[in-house]
Amino acid sequence: NAPAIAAGIIRLKKPEEGEDCNIEFAHAAVGKRKMGSDVDVTVQDNFHLGSCGKAFTSLLLQDVINDDDSTLSWDTTLGNVIEDIKPCWHHITLADLMCHKAGISDDIILNGVRSGYPG
């Protein structure tokens, strides 16, 4: 059971000649902030997305790969697109990353910032 849900839609309309880009945005939230609470959720509330980011990332990457001008493919390696990475990561492909077969730890430090789960 989820006490609340929120959604947003962004639509980019192709501009006519001489017009600026036209962006339409709509969003809504319904439900309660917490199970058993009387406090309504709002579009300003934060939601835990969990693993949803993986699906969004895959979708966006597929869109980039499908672009006619793209130099990326699922076989593109990290070493081909990122200059300053660990040598042991150079062979990892975009497909490896999206399939969780890259062998990169959940708890890594990049540029002095710890990623992964707290604790």
Protein backbone atom coordinates (compact mmCIF):
# COMPACT_ATOMS: atom_id res chain seq x y z
CA ASN A 1 0.00 0.00 0.00
CA ALA A 2 1.21 3.46 -0.84
CA PRO A 3 -0.24 6.38 1.08
CA ALA A 4 0.40 8.82 -1.78
CA ILE A 5 1.44 9.18 -5.37
CA ALA A 6 2.76 12.05 -7.47
CA ALA A 7 3.31 12.42 -11.19
CA GLY A 8 4.67 14.98 -13.59
CA ILE A 9 4.59 15.37 -17.34
CA ILE A 10 6.90 17.53 -19.41
CA ARG A 11 6.07 18.04 -23.06
CA LEU A 12 8.38 19.82 -25.44
CA LYS A 13 6.54 21.19 -28.43
CA LYS A 14 8.59 21.80 -31.54
CA PRO A 15 8.68 25.56 -32.10
CA GLU A 16 7.49 27.13 -35.30
CA GLU A 17 10.04 29.21 -37.18
CA GLY A 18 10.97 32.29 -35.16
CA GLU A 19 9.39 30.98 -31.95
CA ASP A 20 11.10 30.02 -28.73
CA CYS A 21 10.92 26.48 -27.44
CA ASN A 22 7.52 25.76 -25.94
CA ILE A 23 7.50 23.60 -22.82
CA GLU A 24 4.32 22.42 -21.13
CA PHE A 25 4.50 21.06 -17.60
CA ALA A 26 1.83 19.53 -15.40
CA HIS A 27 2.12 17.87 -12.01
CA ALA A 28 -0.12 16.58 -9.26
CA ALA A 29 0.04 14.70 -5.96
CA VAL A 30 -2.71 12.89 -4.09
CA GLY A 31 -2.87 11.00 -0.83
CA LYS A 32 -1.44 11.36 2.65
CA ARG A 33 2.19 11.95 3.66
CA LYS A 34 2.19 8.89 5.87
CA MET A 35 -0.08 5.89 6.43
CA GLY A 36 -2.67 6.82 9.04
CA SER A 37 -1.88 10.54 8.79
CA ASP A 38 -4.35 13.31 8.01
CA VAL A 39 -1.65 15.47 6.38
CA ASP A 40 -2.05 15.70 2.60
CA VAL A 41 0.92 15.15 0.32
CA THR A 42 1.94 18.01 -1.98
CA VAL A 43 3.99 18.29 -5.16
CA GLN A 44 6.75 19.86 -3.03
CA ASP A 45 7.15 16.69 -0.93
CA ASN A 46 10.12 14.40 -1.55
CA PHE A 47 9.47 10.83 -2.64
CA HIS A 48 11.88 7.91 -2.36
CA LEU A 49 12.34 6.64 -5.92
CA GLY A 50 14.31 3.53 -5.06
CA SER A 51 15.37 1.74 -8.22
CA CYS A 52 13.17 3.79 -10.56
CA GLY A 53 16.25 5.79 -11.57
CA LYS A 54 17.66 2.67 -13.25
CA ALA A 55 14.71 2.48 -15.63
CA PHE A 56 14.87 6.22 -16.36
CA THR A 57 18.61 6.03 -17.04
CA SER A 58 18.19 3.06 -19.39
CA LEU A 59 15.39 4.80 -21.27
CA LEU A 60 17.37 8.02 -21.68
CA LEU A 61 20.50 6.13 -22.73
CA GLN A 62 18.53 4.15 -25.32
CA ASP A 63 17.17 7.43 -26.68
CA VAL A 64 20.72 8.82 -27.03
CA ILE A 65 21.97 5.61 -28.67
CA ASN A 66 19.07 5.63 -31.15
CA ASP A 67 19.81 9.21 -32.22
CA ASP A 68 21.13 9.26 -35.80
CA ASP A 69 24.05 11.51 -34.79
CA SER A 70 25.03 9.43 -31.74
CA THR A 71 28.53 8.03 -31.41
CA LEU A 72 27.39 5.77 -28.55
CA SER A 73 26.27 2.16 -28.67
CA TRP A 74 25.60 -0.46 -26.02
CA ASP A 75 29.14 -1.73 -26.73
CA THR A 76 30.77 1.66 -26.03
CA THR A 77 33.24 1.28 -23.18
CA LEU A 78 33.73 3.68 -20.30
CA GLY A 79 37.34 4.09 -21.39
CA ASN A 80 36.11 5.49 -24.73
CA VAL A 81 33.95 8.20 -23.16
CA ILE A 82 35.42 9.06 -19.74
CA GLU A 83 38.99 10.32 -19.58
CA ASP A 84 39.87 10.07 -15.90
CA ILE A 85 38.65 6.70 -14.61
CA LYS A 86 40.34 3.71 -13.03
CA PRO A 87 42.13 1.58 -15.64
CA CYS A 88 40.21 -1.52 -14.47
CA TRP A 89 36.96 0.17 -15.58
CA HIS A 90 38.07 1.01 -19.14
CA HIS A 91 36.64 -2.23 -20.62
CA ILE A 92 33.17 -1.88 -19.02
CA THR A 93 30.46 -1.30 -21.61
CA LEU A 94 27.27 0.72 -21.29
CA ALA A 95 25.38 -2.58 -21.56
CA ASP A 96 27.41 -3.96 -18.63
CA LEU A 97 26.38 -0.96 -16.53
CA MET A 98 22.70 -1.22 -17.38
CA CYS A 99 22.66 -5.00 -16.72
CA HIS A 100 24.56 -4.64 -13.43
CA LYS A 101 27.41 -6.78 -14.76
CA ALA A 102 30.16 -4.15 -14.46
CA GLY A 103 31.51 -5.36 -11.12
CA ILE A 104 31.63 -1.86 -9.65
CA SER A 105 31.02 -1.81 -5.90
CA ASP A 106 28.01 -0.03 -4.40
CA ASP A 107 30.42 1.74 -2.07
CA ILE A 108 32.93 3.66 -4.19
CA ILE A 109 34.62 7.02 -3.89
CA LEU A 110 34.74 9.25 -6.98
CA ASN A 111 36.37 12.67 -6.80
CA GLY A 112 36.41 12.45 -3.00
CA VAL A 113 32.65 11.77 -2.75
CA ARG A 114 31.44 8.49 -1.29
CA SER A 115 28.55 6.89 -3.16
CA GLY A 116 26.44 3.90 -2.25
CA TYR A 117 24.40 3.26 0.82
CA PRO A 118 24.99 5.10 4.09
CA GLY A 119 26.07 3.22 7.14
